[in-house]
C-alpha cells in the first residue's frame, strides 16, 4: 500500500559540516567573551602591556603618569627670559626704590606720574603685568597697577598705580615681564 504524498513524514535536513563548525565557533567566542568580562579587570593587566594609542581619551590622571619621565614640555621653552621686580613706592615724588629683582641690571626710576622699571634688555616685544603689592607680608591697600612700554626707552616698562576708585596713588607693586 502506498502512502499518499500529503501524509508523508517530514525529513529534518541535517546540518552541513560547515554549519557545525560555525556553530561551535560562535559558542566558543561567546563563552570566551563572557569569561573575560567576569575575570579580567584592571588588576589583571600586566604593566606596560597596553600601548598609549589603545587607551581611551582622558582616562589617565596625574596619579598614573610619572612626570619625571615626561622631559621638557615644548611650550615651556618658549620664553627665553623672565624678569621680575618688586618696587617700594611710598607717597611722595621721586622716592620709588627697587626692593628686589630677578637680575642685578634692573632699576626703578620715578617721574612723570609713573615708575619706569628699566630692564637689561629690549622688552618692547615682551608681555608684562603688574599688581599692587608690597615687599613684606602686610596686606596692601586696595587698588590696581597699569603697565605700558616706555615711549623713550625700549628697555623699560612704565607702571602707574591707582587707588580702588582709579585715582593716581603712589603704591608698592610687583612687575613680571616675559620675553619670547
N, C-alpha and C. Protein backbone atom coordinates (compact mmCIF):
# COMPACT_ATOMS: atom_id res chain seq x y z
N UNK A 1 0.83 -1.15 0.00
CA UNK A 1 0.00 0.00 0.00
C UNK A 1 0.88 1.23 0.00
N UNK A 2 0.46 2.15 -0.71
CA UNK A 2 1.17 3.41 -0.86
C UNK A 2 0.60 4.50 0.01
N UNK A 3 1.50 5.24 0.61
CA UNK A 3 1.04 6.34 1.46
C UNK A 3 0.88 7.56 0.56
N UNK A 4 -0.23 8.21 0.70
CA UNK A 4 -0.41 9.40 -0.14
C UNK A 4 0.66 10.44 0.18
N UNK A 5 0.94 11.24 -0.77
CA UNK A 5 2.01 12.23 -0.69
C UNK A 5 1.80 13.25 0.43
N UNK A 6 0.66 13.61 0.72
CA UNK A 6 0.37 14.62 1.71
C UNK A 6 0.61 14.14 3.13
N UNK A 7 0.62 12.89 3.34
CA UNK A 7 0.81 12.41 4.69
C UNK A 7 2.18 11.83 4.94
N UNK A 8 3.11 12.05 4.05
CA UNK A 8 4.47 11.55 4.28
C UNK A 8 5.11 12.25 5.47
N UNK A 9 6.06 11.59 6.12
CA UNK A 9 6.77 12.20 7.24
C UNK A 9 7.79 13.20 6.70
N UNK A 10 7.93 14.27 7.42
CA UNK A 10 8.87 15.31 7.01
C UNK A 10 10.26 14.95 7.49
N UNK A 11 11.20 15.09 6.60
CA UNK A 11 12.58 14.84 6.98
C UNK A 11 13.22 16.16 7.40
N UNK A 12 13.87 16.14 8.55
CA UNK A 12 14.61 17.32 9.00
C UNK A 12 15.98 17.22 8.37
N UNK A 13 16.39 18.30 7.64
CA UNK A 13 17.69 18.22 6.98
C UNK A 13 18.81 18.26 8.01
N UNK A 14 19.83 17.51 7.78
CA UNK A 14 20.99 17.51 8.67
C UNK A 14 21.82 18.76 8.39
N UNK A 15 22.45 19.32 9.47
CA UNK A 15 23.32 20.46 9.21
C UNK A 15 24.58 20.01 8.47
N UNK A 16 25.05 20.89 7.62
CA UNK A 16 26.27 20.59 6.89
C UNK A 16 27.47 20.68 7.84
N UNK A 17 28.61 20.08 7.48
CA UNK A 17 29.80 20.20 8.34
C UNK A 17 30.21 21.65 8.56
N UNK A 18 30.05 22.51 7.58
CA UNK A 18 30.41 23.93 7.73
C UNK A 18 29.52 24.60 8.78
N UNK A 19 28.24 24.23 8.81
CA UNK A 19 27.32 24.81 9.78
C UNK A 19 27.68 24.35 11.19
N UNK A 20 28.10 23.12 11.35
CA UNK A 20 28.50 22.60 12.67
C UNK A 20 29.74 23.35 13.16
N UNK A 21 30.71 23.55 12.30
CA UNK A 21 31.93 24.28 12.69
C UNK A 21 31.59 25.72 13.05
N UNK A 22 30.72 26.38 12.29
CA UNK A 22 30.33 27.77 12.57
C UNK A 22 29.62 27.88 13.90
N UNK A 23 28.73 26.94 14.22
CA UNK A 23 28.01 26.96 15.49
C UNK A 23 28.97 26.78 16.66
N UNK A 24 29.93 25.85 16.52
CA UNK A 24 30.91 25.63 17.59
C UNK A 24 31.76 26.89 17.79
N UNK A 25 32.18 27.53 16.69
CA UNK A 25 32.99 28.75 16.80
C UNK A 25 32.21 29.86 17.48
N UNK A 26 30.93 30.00 17.20
CA UNK A 26 30.10 31.02 17.84
C UNK A 26 29.99 30.77 19.34
N UNK A 27 29.78 29.54 19.73
CA UNK A 27 29.66 29.20 21.15
C UNK A 27 30.97 29.47 21.89
N UNK A 28 32.08 29.10 21.28
CA UNK A 28 33.39 29.33 21.91
C UNK A 28 33.66 30.83 22.04
N UNK A 29 33.33 31.60 21.02
CA UNK A 29 33.56 33.05 21.06
C UNK A 29 32.73 33.71 22.15
N UNK A 30 31.46 33.34 22.25
CA UNK A 30 30.60 33.93 23.27
C UNK A 30 31.04 33.52 24.67
N UNK A 31 31.45 32.28 24.83
CA UNK A 31 31.91 31.83 26.15
C UNK A 31 33.20 32.53 26.54
N UNK A 32 34.11 32.74 25.60
CA UNK A 32 35.37 33.44 25.90
C UNK A 32 35.14 34.88 26.30
N UNK A 33 34.22 35.57 25.62
CA UNK A 33 33.91 36.96 25.96
C UNK A 33 33.28 37.04 27.34
N UNK A 34 32.36 36.11 27.65
CA UNK A 34 31.73 36.10 28.98
C UNK A 34 32.76 35.83 30.06
N UNK A 35 33.69 34.91 29.81
CA UNK A 35 34.75 34.61 30.77
C UNK A 35 35.62 35.84 31.00
N UNK A 36 36.03 36.51 29.91
CA UNK A 36 36.89 37.69 30.03
C UNK A 36 36.19 38.81 30.77
N UNK A 37 34.90 39.00 30.51
CA UNK A 37 34.16 40.08 31.17
C UNK A 37 34.09 39.88 32.67
N UNK A 38 34.04 38.62 33.12
CA UNK A 38 33.95 38.37 34.55
C UNK A 38 35.30 38.27 35.25
N UNK A 39 36.33 37.85 34.53
CA UNK A 39 37.60 37.55 35.20
C UNK A 39 38.74 38.51 34.94
N UNK A 40 38.63 39.39 33.93
CA UNK A 40 39.73 40.31 33.64
C UNK A 40 39.31 41.71 34.06
N UNK A 41 40.10 42.32 34.93
CA UNK A 41 39.86 43.71 35.35
C UNK A 41 41.19 44.46 35.29
N UNK A 42 41.20 45.67 35.77
CA UNK A 42 42.42 46.48 35.71
C UNK A 42 43.58 45.86 36.46
N UNK A 43 43.31 45.11 37.52
CA UNK A 43 44.38 44.47 38.29
C UNK A 43 44.99 43.28 37.58
N UNK A 44 44.28 42.72 36.61
CA UNK A 44 44.78 41.54 35.90
C UNK A 44 45.69 41.92 34.72
N UNK A 45 45.74 43.19 34.38
CA UNK A 45 46.55 43.63 33.24
C UNK A 45 47.98 43.88 33.72
N UNK A 46 48.94 43.30 33.04
CA UNK A 46 50.34 43.48 33.41
C UNK A 46 50.82 44.85 32.97
N UNK A 47 51.78 45.39 33.71
CA UNK A 47 52.35 46.71 33.40
C UNK A 47 52.99 46.69 32.02
N UNK A 48 52.84 47.80 31.33
CA UNK A 48 53.45 48.05 30.02
C UNK A 48 53.01 47.05 28.95
N UNK A 49 51.75 46.56 29.04
CA UNK A 49 51.24 45.65 28.01
C UNK A 49 50.22 46.32 27.11
N UNK A 50 49.75 47.51 27.48
CA UNK A 50 48.79 48.24 26.65
C UNK A 50 49.46 49.50 26.15
N UNK A 51 49.49 49.69 24.84
CA UNK A 51 50.10 50.88 24.25
C UNK A 51 49.25 52.11 24.48
N UNK A 52 49.88 53.27 24.49
CA UNK A 52 49.17 54.52 24.72
C UNK A 52 48.10 54.81 23.70
N UNK A 53 48.28 54.35 22.47
CA UNK A 53 47.30 54.59 21.42
C UNK A 53 46.02 53.79 21.61
N UNK A 54 46.03 52.78 22.48
CA UNK A 54 44.86 51.94 22.70
C UNK A 54 44.01 52.43 23.86
N UNK A 55 44.46 53.46 24.57
CA UNK A 55 43.71 53.97 25.72
C UNK A 55 42.67 54.97 25.27
N UNK A 56 41.55 55.01 26.00
CA UNK A 56 40.52 55.99 25.70
C UNK A 56 41.04 57.38 26.08
N UNK A 57 40.58 58.40 25.36
CA UNK A 57 40.97 59.78 25.60
C UNK A 57 40.56 60.20 27.01
N UNK A 58 41.44 60.86 27.72
CA UNK A 58 41.22 61.41 29.07
C UNK A 58 40.94 60.33 30.12
N UNK A 59 41.59 59.16 30.00
CA UNK A 59 41.41 58.12 31.02
C UNK A 59 42.55 58.08 32.01
N UNK A 60 43.68 58.71 31.71
CA UNK A 60 44.80 58.74 32.65
C UNK A 60 44.77 60.03 33.46
N UNK A 61 45.17 59.93 34.70
CA UNK A 61 45.26 61.11 35.57
C UNK A 61 46.71 61.29 35.99
N UNK A 62 46.97 62.33 36.76
CA UNK A 62 48.32 62.58 37.24
C UNK A 62 48.85 61.45 38.11
N UNK A 63 47.96 60.66 38.70
CA UNK A 63 48.39 59.54 39.54
C UNK A 63 49.09 58.47 38.70
N UNK A 64 48.60 58.23 37.47
CA UNK A 64 49.17 57.18 36.63
C UNK A 64 50.38 57.65 35.82
N UNK A 65 50.60 58.95 35.73
CA UNK A 65 51.67 59.48 34.88
C UNK A 65 52.87 59.86 35.74
N UNK A 66 54.04 59.37 35.40
CA UNK A 66 55.27 59.71 36.10
C UNK A 66 55.82 60.99 35.44
N UNK A 67 55.61 62.13 36.06
CA UNK A 67 56.02 63.41 35.47
C UNK A 67 57.53 63.52 35.33
N UNK A 68 58.29 62.76 36.10
CA UNK A 68 59.75 62.80 35.98
C UNK A 68 60.23 62.22 34.65
N UNK A 69 59.41 61.41 34.02
CA UNK A 69 59.79 60.79 32.75
C UNK A 69 59.28 61.56 31.54
N UNK A 70 58.54 62.65 31.75
CA UNK A 70 57.97 63.39 30.63
C UNK A 70 59.01 64.19 29.85
N UNK A 71 60.03 64.69 30.49
CA UNK A 71 61.01 65.53 29.80
C UNK A 71 60.52 66.97 29.72
N UNK A 72 61.14 67.74 28.86
CA UNK A 72 60.81 69.15 28.71
C UNK A 72 59.56 69.28 27.84
N UNK A 73 58.58 70.02 28.34
CA UNK A 73 57.36 70.28 27.58
C UNK A 73 57.69 71.36 26.56
N UNK A 74 57.37 71.16 25.27
CA UNK A 74 57.77 72.12 24.23
C UNK A 74 57.34 73.55 24.49
N UNK A 75 56.14 73.79 24.99
CA UNK A 75 55.70 75.17 25.21
C UNK A 75 56.45 75.83 26.35
N UNK A 76 57.05 75.05 27.25
CA UNK A 76 57.79 75.65 28.35
C UNK A 76 59.09 76.29 27.88
N UNK A 77 59.55 75.92 26.70
CA UNK A 77 60.79 76.50 26.18
C UNK A 77 60.56 77.80 25.43
N UNK A 78 59.34 78.27 25.32
CA UNK A 78 59.03 79.43 24.51
C UNK A 78 59.63 80.72 25.07
N UNK A 79 59.56 80.90 26.38
CA UNK A 79 60.07 82.13 26.98
C UNK A 79 61.59 82.02 27.11
N UNK A 80 62.29 83.00 26.52
CA UNK A 80 63.74 82.98 26.63
C UNK A 80 64.20 83.62 27.93
N UNK A 81 63.40 84.57 28.43
CA UNK A 81 63.78 85.18 29.69
C UNK A 81 62.56 85.77 30.38
N UNK A 82 62.55 85.67 31.68
CA UNK A 82 61.50 86.27 32.50
C UNK A 82 62.18 87.18 33.51
N UNK A 83 61.72 88.43 33.54
CA UNK A 83 62.23 89.40 34.51
C UNK A 83 61.12 89.69 35.51
N UNK A 84 61.50 90.00 36.74
CA UNK A 84 60.53 90.45 37.72
C UNK A 84 61.17 91.47 38.64
N UNK A 85 60.33 92.31 39.22
CA UNK A 85 60.82 93.35 40.13
C UNK A 85 59.76 93.64 41.19
N UNK A 86 60.20 93.88 42.40
CA UNK A 86 59.34 94.32 43.50
C UNK A 86 59.80 95.74 43.83
N UNK A 87 58.86 96.69 43.72
CA UNK A 87 59.20 98.11 43.88
C UNK A 87 58.44 98.70 45.06
N UNK A 88 59.19 99.37 45.95
CA UNK A 88 58.58 100.16 47.03
C UNK A 88 58.39 101.57 46.50
N UNK A 89 57.16 102.08 46.61
CA UNK A 89 56.86 103.43 46.11
C UNK A 89 55.97 104.15 47.12
N UNK A 90 56.57 104.66 48.20
CA UNK A 90 55.77 105.39 49.18
C UNK A 90 55.28 106.72 48.61
N UNK A 91 54.31 107.30 49.29
CA UNK A 91 53.75 108.58 48.83
C UNK A 91 54.84 109.64 48.76
N UNK A 92 54.80 110.42 47.71
CA UNK A 92 55.77 111.48 47.50
C UNK A 92 56.49 111.31 46.18
N UNK A 93 56.94 112.39 45.60
CA UNK A 93 57.58 112.31 44.28
C UNK A 93 59.03 111.81 44.35
N UNK A 94 59.40 111.02 43.35
CA UNK A 94 60.79 110.63 43.16
C UNK A 94 61.40 109.72 44.19
N UNK A 95 60.60 108.97 44.96
CA UNK A 95 61.19 108.14 46.01
C UNK A 95 60.97 106.63 45.80
N UNK A 96 60.60 106.21 44.61
CA UNK A 96 60.44 104.78 44.34
C UNK A 96 61.80 104.10 44.40
N UNK A 97 61.83 102.91 44.97
CA UNK A 97 63.09 102.17 45.10
C UNK A 97 62.84 100.69 44.87
N UNK A 98 63.80 100.06 44.26
CA UNK A 98 63.73 98.63 44.00
C UNK A 98 63.95 97.86 45.30
N UNK A 99 63.00 96.98 45.68
CA UNK A 99 63.17 96.16 46.89
C UNK A 99 63.98 94.91 46.55
N UNK A 100 63.65 94.27 45.44
CA UNK A 100 64.40 93.11 44.95
C UNK A 100 63.99 92.87 43.50
N UNK A 101 64.84 92.13 42.78
CA UNK A 101 64.58 91.89 41.36
C UNK A 101 65.25 90.61 40.91
N UNK A 102 64.87 90.13 39.75
CA UNK A 102 65.42 88.89 39.21
C UNK A 102 66.85 89.05 38.71
N UNK A 103 67.24 90.25 38.24
CA UNK A 103 68.57 90.49 37.68
C UNK A 103 69.19 91.72 38.34
N UNK A 104 70.50 91.74 38.40
CA UNK A 104 71.19 92.89 39.01
C UNK A 104 71.10 94.14 38.15
N UNK A 105 70.82 94.01 36.87
CA UNK A 105 70.77 95.17 35.98
C UNK A 105 69.43 95.87 35.94
N UNK A 106 68.53 95.57 36.85
CA UNK A 106 67.20 96.19 36.88
C UNK A 106 67.21 97.37 37.84
N UNK A 107 66.56 98.47 37.43
CA UNK A 107 66.46 99.64 38.29
C UNK A 107 65.05 100.22 38.18
N UNK A 108 64.69 101.09 39.12
CA UNK A 108 63.39 101.75 39.13
C UNK A 108 63.60 103.24 39.30
N UNK A 109 62.95 104.03 38.41
CA UNK A 109 63.07 105.49 38.44
C UNK A 109 61.67 106.08 38.38
N UNK A 110 61.33 106.94 39.37
CA UNK A 110 60.01 107.55 39.40
C UNK A 110 60.05 108.94 38.79
N UNK A 111 59.04 109.23 37.98
CA UNK A 111 58.93 110.56 37.39
C UNK A 111 57.76 110.63 36.43
N UNK A 112 57.13 111.80 36.36
CA UNK A 112 56.02 111.99 35.43
C UNK A 112 54.78 111.18 35.77
N UNK A 113 54.56 110.86 37.03
CA UNK A 113 53.37 110.11 37.43
C UNK A 113 53.49 108.61 37.28
N UNK A 114 54.68 108.13 36.90
CA UNK A 114 54.87 106.69 36.72
C UNK A 114 56.23 106.29 37.25
N UNK A 115 56.39 104.99 37.46
CA UNK A 115 57.69 104.43 37.82
C UNK A 115 58.16 103.65 36.60
N UNK A 116 59.32 104.02 36.07
CA UNK A 116 59.90 103.30 34.95
C UNK A 116 60.83 102.24 35.51
N UNK A 117 60.51 100.98 35.24
CA UNK A 117 61.37 99.87 35.64
C UNK A 117 62.23 99.56 34.43
N UNK A 118 63.54 99.80 34.56
CA UNK A 118 64.47 99.62 33.45
C UNK A 118 65.09 98.23 33.57
N UNK A 119 65.00 97.47 32.48
CA UNK A 119 65.47 96.08 32.46
C UNK A 119 66.73 95.99 31.60
N UNK A 120 67.49 94.90 31.71
CA UNK A 120 68.77 94.81 31.00
C UNK A 120 68.65 94.47 29.51
N UNK A 121 67.45 94.39 28.96
CA UNK A 121 67.29 94.05 27.54
C UNK A 121 66.08 94.78 26.97
N UNK A 122 65.97 94.77 25.67
CA UNK A 122 64.83 95.36 24.98
C UNK A 122 63.59 94.53 25.31
N UNK A 123 62.58 95.15 25.89
CA UNK A 123 61.37 94.45 26.29
C UNK A 123 60.14 94.93 25.52
N UNK A 124 60.37 95.59 24.40
CA UNK A 124 59.25 96.14 23.63
C UNK A 124 58.36 95.04 23.04
N UNK A 125 58.89 93.82 22.84
CA UNK A 125 58.09 92.72 22.31
C UNK A 125 57.70 91.71 23.36
N UNK A 126 57.77 92.09 24.62
CA UNK A 126 57.50 91.16 25.72
C UNK A 126 56.11 91.40 26.29
N UNK A 127 55.62 90.44 27.06
CA UNK A 127 54.37 90.59 27.80
C UNK A 127 54.71 91.04 29.21
N UNK A 128 53.90 91.94 29.76
CA UNK A 128 54.17 92.43 31.11
C UNK A 128 52.87 92.57 31.88
N UNK A 129 52.99 92.40 33.19
CA UNK A 129 51.84 92.56 34.08
C UNK A 129 52.35 93.06 35.43
N UNK A 130 51.56 93.92 36.05
CA UNK A 130 51.92 94.44 37.37
C UNK A 130 50.69 94.39 38.27
N UNK A 131 50.93 94.30 39.55
CA UNK A 131 49.85 94.31 40.53
C UNK A 131 50.32 95.03 41.77
N UNK A 132 49.39 95.71 42.42
CA UNK A 132 49.74 96.35 43.69
C UNK A 132 50.01 95.29 44.72
N UNK A 133 51.14 95.42 45.36
CA UNK A 133 51.56 94.51 46.41
C UNK A 133 52.72 95.18 47.12
N UNK A 134 53.26 94.56 48.12
CA UNK A 134 54.41 95.16 48.80
C UNK A 134 55.49 94.13 49.01
N UNK A 135 56.62 94.58 49.50
CA UNK A 135 57.77 93.69 49.67
C UNK A 135 57.65 92.82 50.91
N UNK A 136 56.78 93.19 51.83
CA UNK A 136 56.65 92.45 53.08
C UNK A 136 55.44 91.53 53.10
N UNK A 137 54.94 91.29 54.31
CA UNK A 137 53.83 90.38 54.48
C UNK A 137 52.53 91.08 54.83
N UNK A 138 52.53 92.40 54.92
CA UNK A 138 51.30 93.13 55.24
C UNK A 138 50.40 93.18 54.01
N UNK A 139 49.12 93.29 54.26
CA UNK A 139 48.15 93.34 53.18
C UNK A 139 48.22 94.73 52.52
N UNK A 140 48.35 94.78 51.19
CA UNK A 140 48.41 96.08 50.52
C UNK A 140 47.04 96.75 50.49
N UNK A 141 47.05 98.07 50.34
CA UNK A 141 45.79 98.80 50.20
C UNK A 141 45.13 98.41 48.89
N UNK A 142 43.80 98.52 48.79
CA UNK A 142 43.13 98.18 47.55
C UNK A 142 43.53 99.13 46.43
N UNK A 143 43.48 98.62 45.22
CA UNK A 143 43.83 99.41 44.05
C UNK A 143 44.37 98.51 42.96
N UNK A 144 44.94 99.13 41.93
CA UNK A 144 45.48 98.34 40.82
C UNK A 144 46.67 99.05 40.21
N UNK A 145 47.35 98.35 39.33
CA UNK A 145 48.52 98.89 38.65
C UNK A 145 48.34 98.71 37.15
N UNK A 146 48.80 99.69 36.38
CA UNK A 146 48.75 99.64 34.92
C UNK A 146 50.15 99.66 34.37
N UNK A 147 50.36 98.94 33.25
CA UNK A 147 51.68 98.92 32.62
C UNK A 147 51.58 99.36 31.17
N UNK A 148 52.67 99.89 30.68
CA UNK A 148 52.82 100.13 29.24
C UNK A 148 54.31 100.27 28.94
N UNK A 149 54.66 100.03 27.68
CA UNK A 149 56.06 100.19 27.27
C UNK A 149 56.43 101.66 27.38
N UNK A 150 57.63 101.91 27.88
CA UNK A 150 58.09 103.30 28.00
C UNK A 150 58.37 103.84 26.60
N UNK A 151 57.79 104.98 26.22
CA UNK A 151 57.99 105.51 24.87
C UNK A 151 59.42 105.94 24.59
N UNK A 152 60.17 106.33 25.62
CA UNK A 152 61.51 106.84 25.40
C UNK A 152 62.61 105.78 25.57
N UNK A 153 62.26 104.58 26.10
CA UNK A 153 63.29 103.58 26.37
C UNK A 153 62.72 102.18 26.10
N UNK A 154 63.26 101.48 25.11
CA UNK A 154 62.78 100.14 24.75
C UNK A 154 63.10 99.10 25.83
N UNK A 155 63.96 99.45 26.78
CA UNK A 155 64.32 98.54 27.87
C UNK A 155 63.49 98.77 29.12
N UNK A 156 62.47 99.63 29.07
CA UNK A 156 61.73 99.99 30.27
C UNK A 156 60.23 99.75 30.13
N UNK A 157 59.62 99.45 31.26
CA UNK A 157 58.17 99.33 31.39
C UNK A 157 57.73 100.38 32.40
N UNK A 158 56.74 101.19 32.03
CA UNK A 158 56.20 102.18 32.95
C UNK A 158 55.03 101.57 33.72
N UNK A 159 55.02 101.82 35.03
CA UNK A 159 53.95 101.31 35.89
C UNK A 159 53.31 102.50 36.60
N UNK A 160 51.99 102.58 36.49
CA UNK A 160 51.20 103.59 37.19
C UNK A 160 50.28 102.88 38.17
N UNK A 161 50.31 103.30 39.44
CA UNK A 161 49.45 102.69 40.46
C UNK A 161 48.29 103.62 40.76
N UNK A 162 47.15 103.01 41.04
CA UNK A 162 45.92 103.78 41.29
C UNK A 162 45.18 103.19 42.50
N UNK A 163 44.35 104.01 43.13
CA UNK A 163 43.55 103.52 44.25
C UNK A 163 42.34 102.76 43.71
N UNK A 164 41.48 102.28 44.63
CA UNK A 164 40.35 101.45 44.19
C UNK A 164 39.34 102.21 43.33
N UNK A 165 39.36 103.55 43.37
CA UNK A 165 38.44 104.35 42.55
C UNK A 165 39.06 104.75 41.22
N UNK A 166 40.35 104.47 41.03
CA UNK A 166 41.02 104.79 39.78
C UNK A 166 41.84 106.06 39.80
N UNK A 167 41.91 106.73 40.95
CA UNK A 167 42.70 107.95 41.06
C UNK A 167 44.17 107.58 41.23
N UNK A 168 45.10 108.37 40.62
CA UNK A 168 46.53 108.08 40.78
C UNK A 168 46.93 108.09 42.26
N UNK A 169 47.75 107.10 42.64
CA UNK A 169 48.21 106.99 44.02
C UNK A 169 49.55 106.26 44.01
N UNK A 170 50.56 106.84 44.68
CA UNK A 170 51.84 106.13 44.82
C UNK A 170 51.60 104.89 45.66
N UNK A 171 52.09 103.75 45.18
CA UNK A 171 51.91 102.50 45.92
C UNK A 171 52.96 101.49 45.48
N UNK A 172 53.26 100.54 46.36
CA UNK A 172 54.20 99.47 46.04
C UNK A 172 53.56 98.54 45.01
N UNK A 173 54.42 97.86 44.21
CA UNK A 173 53.90 96.95 43.20
C UNK A 173 54.92 95.88 42.86
N UNK A 174 54.44 94.83 42.23
CA UNK A 174 55.26 93.76 41.67
C UNK A 174 55.07 93.79 40.16
N UNK A 175 56.14 93.59 39.41
CA UNK A 175 56.10 93.58 37.94
C UNK A 175 56.73 92.30 37.43
N UNK A 176 56.10 91.67 36.44
CA UNK A 176 56.63 90.49 35.78
C UNK A 176 56.65 90.78 34.27
N UNK A 177 57.79 90.50 33.63
CA UNK A 177 57.95 90.70 32.18
C UNK A 177 58.44 89.38 31.59
N UNK A 178 57.69 88.85 30.62
CA UNK A 178 58.03 87.57 30.00
C UNK A 178 58.34 87.83 28.53
N UNK A 179 59.55 87.46 28.12
CA UNK A 179 60.02 87.72 26.76
C UNK A 179 60.10 86.43 25.94
N UNK A 180 59.73 86.51 24.66
CA UNK A 180 59.80 85.32 23.79
C UNK A 180 61.22 84.99 23.41
